[in-house]
Amino acid sequence: MDRVVVYVESKVHPTESVEKILSAISNVFPTIRPQVDLEKGEVRGSAEGIEALTKLYNLLRREQIRDAARSVLRKGVEGNSITFYISKQAAFVKRLSFSEPSGEEPLGPIKVTIECDSPKKLIEWLTST
């Protein structure tokens, strides 16, 4: 696999625990160490390398949602990046659930953007049987 950079971001609402958001991100992307900016009300982080996607790869198999993932990831391809959203609440309990950018999650989802040289190849790797 060529160059891979994974970015995550999430809004932090006043009623939310920053620790729980950090834990949710870590449960899916353990190599990402997000930075918290309470002034902007957000958490952001990134990691380079295919290793950043290992946990996501394994969760897709454990949850048996590779077909759904393939569809979501393909819809999120734009140029050399893939953007999708996952549920904070599901990620917090070490589960994986795809989400819409808004309206579905009361406190908003975690936005994930993967930049890579070949999005189609990456999607195949993530969702292959």
C-alpha atoms as a PDB file:
ATOM      1  CA  MET A   1       0.000   0.000   0.000  1.00  0.00           C
ATOM      2  CA  ASP A   2       1.267   3.457  -0.876  1.00  0.00           C
ATOM      3  CA  ARG A   3       1.028   6.644   1.165  1.00  0.00           C
ATOM      4  CA  VAL A   4      -1.822   6.655   3.702  1.00  0.00           C
ATOM      5  CA  VAL A   5      -2.686   9.479   6.110  1.00  0.00           C
ATOM      6  CA  VAL A   6      -5.706   9.211   8.398  1.00  0.00           C
ATOM      7  CA  TYR A   7      -7.327  12.353   9.847  1.00  0.00           C
ATOM      8  CA  VAL A   8     -10.057  12.401  12.490  1.00  0.00           C
ATOM      9  CA  GLU A   9     -12.047  15.281  13.866  1.00  0.00           C
ATOM     10  CA  SER A  10     -14.992  15.685  16.175  1.00  0.00           C
ATOM     11  CA  LYS A  11     -16.925  18.520  17.713  1.00  0.00           C
ATOM     12  CA  VAL A  12     -16.843  18.738  21.500  1.00  0.00           C
ATOM     13  CA  HIS A  13     -20.132  19.930  22.928  1.00  0.00           C
ATOM     14  CA  PRO A  14     -20.218  21.545  26.398  1.00  0.00           C
ATOM     15  CA  THR A  15     -22.171  18.565  27.781  1.00  0.00           C
ATOM     16  CA  GLU A  16     -19.661  15.997  26.459  1.00  0.00           C
ATOM     17  CA  SER A  17     -16.704  14.406  28.167  1.00  0.00           C
ATOM     18  CA  VAL A  18     -13.495  15.098  26.227  1.00  0.00           C
ATOM     19  CA  GLU A  19     -12.048  11.891  27.695  1.00  0.00           C
ATOM     20  CA  LYS A  20     -14.914   9.845  26.225  1.00  0.00           C
ATOM     21  CA  ILE A  21     -14.371  11.367  22.766  1.00  0.00           C
ATOM     22  CA  LEU A  22     -10.639  10.642  22.986  1.00  0.00           C
ATOM     23  CA  SER A  23     -11.434   7.092  24.082  1.00  0.00           C
ATOM     24  CA  ALA A  24     -13.894   6.632  21.183  1.00  0.00           C
ATOM     25  CA  ILE A  25     -11.244   7.756  18.686  1.00  0.00           C
ATOM     26  CA  SER A  26      -8.599   5.567  20.294  1.00  0.00           C
ATOM     27  CA  ASN A  27     -10.904   2.523  20.155  1.00  0.00           C
ATOM     28  CA  VAL A  28     -10.983   2.712  16.341  1.00  0.00           C
ATOM     29  CA  PHE A  29      -7.698   4.513  15.578  1.00  0.00           C
ATOM     30  CA  PRO A  30      -5.265   3.711  18.421  1.00  0.00           C
ATOM     31  CA  THR A  31      -2.221   5.255  16.696  1.00  0.00           C
ATOM     32  CA  ILE A  32      -3.869   8.692  16.505  1.00  0.00           C
ATOM     33  CA  ARG A  33      -3.157  11.045  19.402  1.00  0.00           C
ATOM     34  CA  PRO A  34      -5.729  13.818  18.936  1.00  0.00           C
ATOM     35  CA  GLN A  35      -5.255  17.383  20.088  1.00  0.00           C
ATOM     36  CA  VAL A  36      -8.072  19.045  22.027  1.00  0.00           C
ATOM     37  CA  ASP A  37      -8.967  22.673  21.273  1.00  0.00           C
ATOM     38  CA  LEU A  38     -11.686  23.661  23.713  1.00  0.00           C
ATOM     39  CA  GLU A  39     -11.782  27.235  22.391  1.00  0.00           C
ATOM     40  CA  LYS A  40     -12.860  25.908  19.002  1.00  0.00           C
ATOM     41  CA  GLY A  41     -14.794  23.065  20.616  1.00  0.00           C
ATOM     42  CA  GLU A  42     -13.077  20.324  18.634  1.00  0.00           C
ATOM     43  CA  VAL A  43     -10.718  17.389  18.722  1.00  0.00           C
ATOM     44  CA  ARG A  44      -8.386  16.700  15.767  1.00  0.00           C
ATOM     45  CA  GLY A  45      -5.648  14.230  15.063  1.00  0.00           C
ATOM     46  CA  SER A  46      -3.841  12.331  12.333  1.00  0.00           C
ATOM     47  CA  ALA A  47      -1.547   9.380  11.766  1.00  0.00           C
ATOM     48  CA  GLU A  48       0.496   8.188   8.807  1.00  0.00           C
ATOM     49  CA  GLY A  49       0.790   4.656   7.535  1.00  0.00           C
ATOM     50  CA  ILE A  50      -1.484   1.724   6.882  1.00  0.00           C
ATOM     51  CA  GLU A  51      -1.064   0.677  10.549  1.00  0.00           C
ATOM     52  CA  ALA A  52      -3.429   3.530  11.458  1.00  0.00           C
ATOM     53  CA  LEU A  53      -6.217   1.511   9.803  1.00  0.00           C
ATOM     54  CA  THR A  54      -5.487  -1.887  11.362  1.00  0.00           C
ATOM     55  CA  LYS A  55      -8.140  -1.592  14.077  1.00  0.00           C
ATOM     56  CA  LEU A  56     -10.731  -0.342  11.566  1.00  0.00           C
ATOM     57  CA  TYR A  57      -9.836  -3.295   9.318  1.00  0.00           C
ATOM     58  CA  ASN A  58     -10.395  -5.716  12.211  1.00  0.00           C
ATOM     59  CA  LEU A  59     -13.634  -4.050  13.372  1.00  0.00           C
ATOM     60  CA  LEU A  60     -15.123  -4.328   9.877  1.00  0.00           C
ATOM     61  CA  ARG A  61     -14.581  -8.080  10.082  1.00  0.00           C
ATOM     62  CA  ARG A  62     -15.749  -8.503  13.669  1.00  0.00           C
ATOM     63  CA  GLU A  63     -18.915  -6.484  13.062  1.00  0.00           C
ATOM     64  CA  GLN A  64     -19.475  -8.250   9.717  1.00  0.00           C
ATOM     65  CA  ILE A  65     -20.244  -4.963   7.946  1.00  0.00           C
ATOM     66  CA  ARG A  66     -17.746  -5.082   5.082  1.00  0.00           C
ATOM     67  CA  ASP A  67     -20.448  -4.773   2.372  1.00  0.00           C
ATOM     68  CA  ALA A  68     -21.982  -1.736   4.062  1.00  0.00           C
ATOM     69  CA  ALA A  69     -18.509  -0.303   4.611  1.00  0.00           C
ATOM     70  CA  ARG A  70     -17.616  -0.763   0.944  1.00  0.00           C
ATOM     71  CA  SER A  71     -20.701   1.217  -0.072  1.00  0.00           C
ATOM     72  CA  VAL A  72     -20.102   4.019   2.460  1.00  0.00           C
ATOM     73  CA  LEU A  73     -16.403   4.296   1.603  1.00  0.00           C
ATOM     74  CA  ARG A  74     -17.022   4.367  -2.162  1.00  0.00           C
ATOM     75  CA  LYS A  75     -19.553   7.189  -1.728  1.00  0.00           C
ATOM     76  CA  GLY A  76     -16.945   9.134   0.235  1.00  0.00           C
ATOM     77  CA  VAL A  77     -14.239   9.051  -2.448  1.00  0.00           C
ATOM     78  CA  GLU A  78     -13.232  12.416  -3.826  1.00  0.00           C
ATOM     79  CA  GLY A  79      -9.937  12.577  -5.671  1.00  0.00           C
ATOM     80  CA  ASN A  80      -7.275  10.959  -3.507  1.00  0.00           C
ATOM     81  CA  SER A  81      -9.294  10.992  -0.297  1.00  0.00           C
ATOM     82  CA  ILE A  82     -12.099   9.052   1.344  1.00  0.00           C
ATOM     83  CA  THR A  83     -14.348  10.795   3.877  1.00  0.00           C
ATOM     84  CA  PHE A  84     -16.861   9.052   6.120  1.00  0.00           C
ATOM     85  CA  TYR A  85     -18.444   9.437   9.539  1.00  0.00           C
ATOM     86  CA  ILE A  86     -18.695   7.043  12.461  1.00  0.00           C
ATOM     87  CA  SER A  87     -20.797   7.101  15.603  1.00  0.00           C
ATOM     88  CA  LYS A  88     -19.012   8.439  18.691  1.00  0.00           C
ATOM     89  CA  GLN A  89     -21.244   6.373  20.959  1.00  0.00           C
ATOM     90  CA  ALA A  90     -20.592   3.114  19.095  1.00  0.00           C
ATOM     91  CA  ALA A  91     -16.848   3.808  18.935  1.00  0.00           C
ATOM     92  CA  PHE A  92     -16.803   4.515  22.663  1.00  0.00           C
ATOM     93  CA  VAL A  93     -18.044   0.961  23.336  1.00  0.00           C
ATOM     94  CA  LYS A  94     -15.546  -0.474  20.807  1.00  0.00           C
ATOM     95  CA  ARG A  95     -18.141  -1.016  18.087  1.00  0.00           C
ATOM     96  CA  LEU A  96     -18.303   0.442  14.599  1.00  0.00           C
ATOM     97  CA  SER A  97     -21.339   2.151  13.157  1.00  0.00           C
ATOM     98  CA  PHE A  98     -21.303   4.449  10.149  1.00  0.00           C
ATOM     99  CA  SER A  99     -23.184   7.711  10.477  1.00  0.00           C
ATOM    100  CA  GLU A 100     -24.402  10.636   8.430  1.00  0.00           C
ATOM    101  CA  PRO A 101     -22.529  13.964   8.750  1.00  0.00           C
ATOM    102  CA  SER A 102     -25.404  15.495  10.733  1.00  0.00           C
ATOM    103  CA  GLY A 103     -28.818  14.789  12.157  1.00  0.00           C
ATOM    104  CA  GLU A 104     -28.255  11.152  13.070  1.00  0.00           C
ATOM    105  CA  GLU A 105     -26.072  11.554  16.156  1.00  0.00           C
ATOM    106  CA  PRO A 106     -27.316  13.977  18.843  1.00  0.00           C
ATOM    107  CA  LEU A 107     -23.757  15.135  19.593  1.00  0.00           C
ATOM    108  CA  GLY A 108     -22.414  14.654  16.093  1.00  0.00           C
ATOM    109  CA  PRO A 109     -20.214  11.918  14.649  1.00  0.00           C
ATOM    110  CA  ILE A 110     -16.469  11.492  14.272  1.00  0.00           C
ATOM    111  CA  LYS A 111     -15.364  12.607  10.815  1.00  0.00           C
ATOM    112  CA  VAL A 112     -12.681  10.417   9.243  1.00  0.00           C
ATOM    113  CA  THR A 113     -10.698  11.392   6.151  1.00  0.00           C
ATOM    114  CA  ILE A 114      -8.159   9.058   4.608  1.00  0.00           C
ATOM    115  CA  GLU A 115      -5.740  10.468   2.055  1.00  0.00           C
ATOM    116  CA  CYS A 116      -4.040   7.880  -0.107  1.00  0.00           C
ATOM    117  CA  ASP A 117      -2.654   7.360  -3.591  1.00  0.00           C
ATOM    118  CA  SER A 118      -5.274   4.782  -4.577  1.00  0.00           C
ATOM    119  CA  PRO A 119      -8.608   5.030  -2.730  1.00  0.00           C
ATOM    120  CA  LYS A 120     -10.089   2.125  -4.714  1.00  0.00           C
ATOM    121  CA  LYS A 121      -7.207  -0.167  -3.725  1.00  0.00           C
ATOM    122  CA  LEU A 122      -7.489   0.906  -0.094  1.00  0.00           C
ATOM    123  CA  ILE A 123     -11.250   0.258  -0.016  1.00  0.00           C
ATOM    124  CA  GLU A 124     -10.685  -3.191  -1.518  1.00  0.00           C
ATOM    125  CA  TRP A 125      -8.080  -3.969   1.154  1.00  0.00           C
ATOM    126  CA  LEU A 126     -10.325  -2.746   3.993  1.00  0.00           C
ATOM    127  CA  THR A 127     -13.450  -4.563   2.824  1.00  0.00           C
ATOM    128  CA  SER A 128     -12.143  -7.711   1.127  1.00  0.00           C
ATOM    129  CA  THR A 129     -13.332 -11.086   2.389  1.00  0.00           C
END
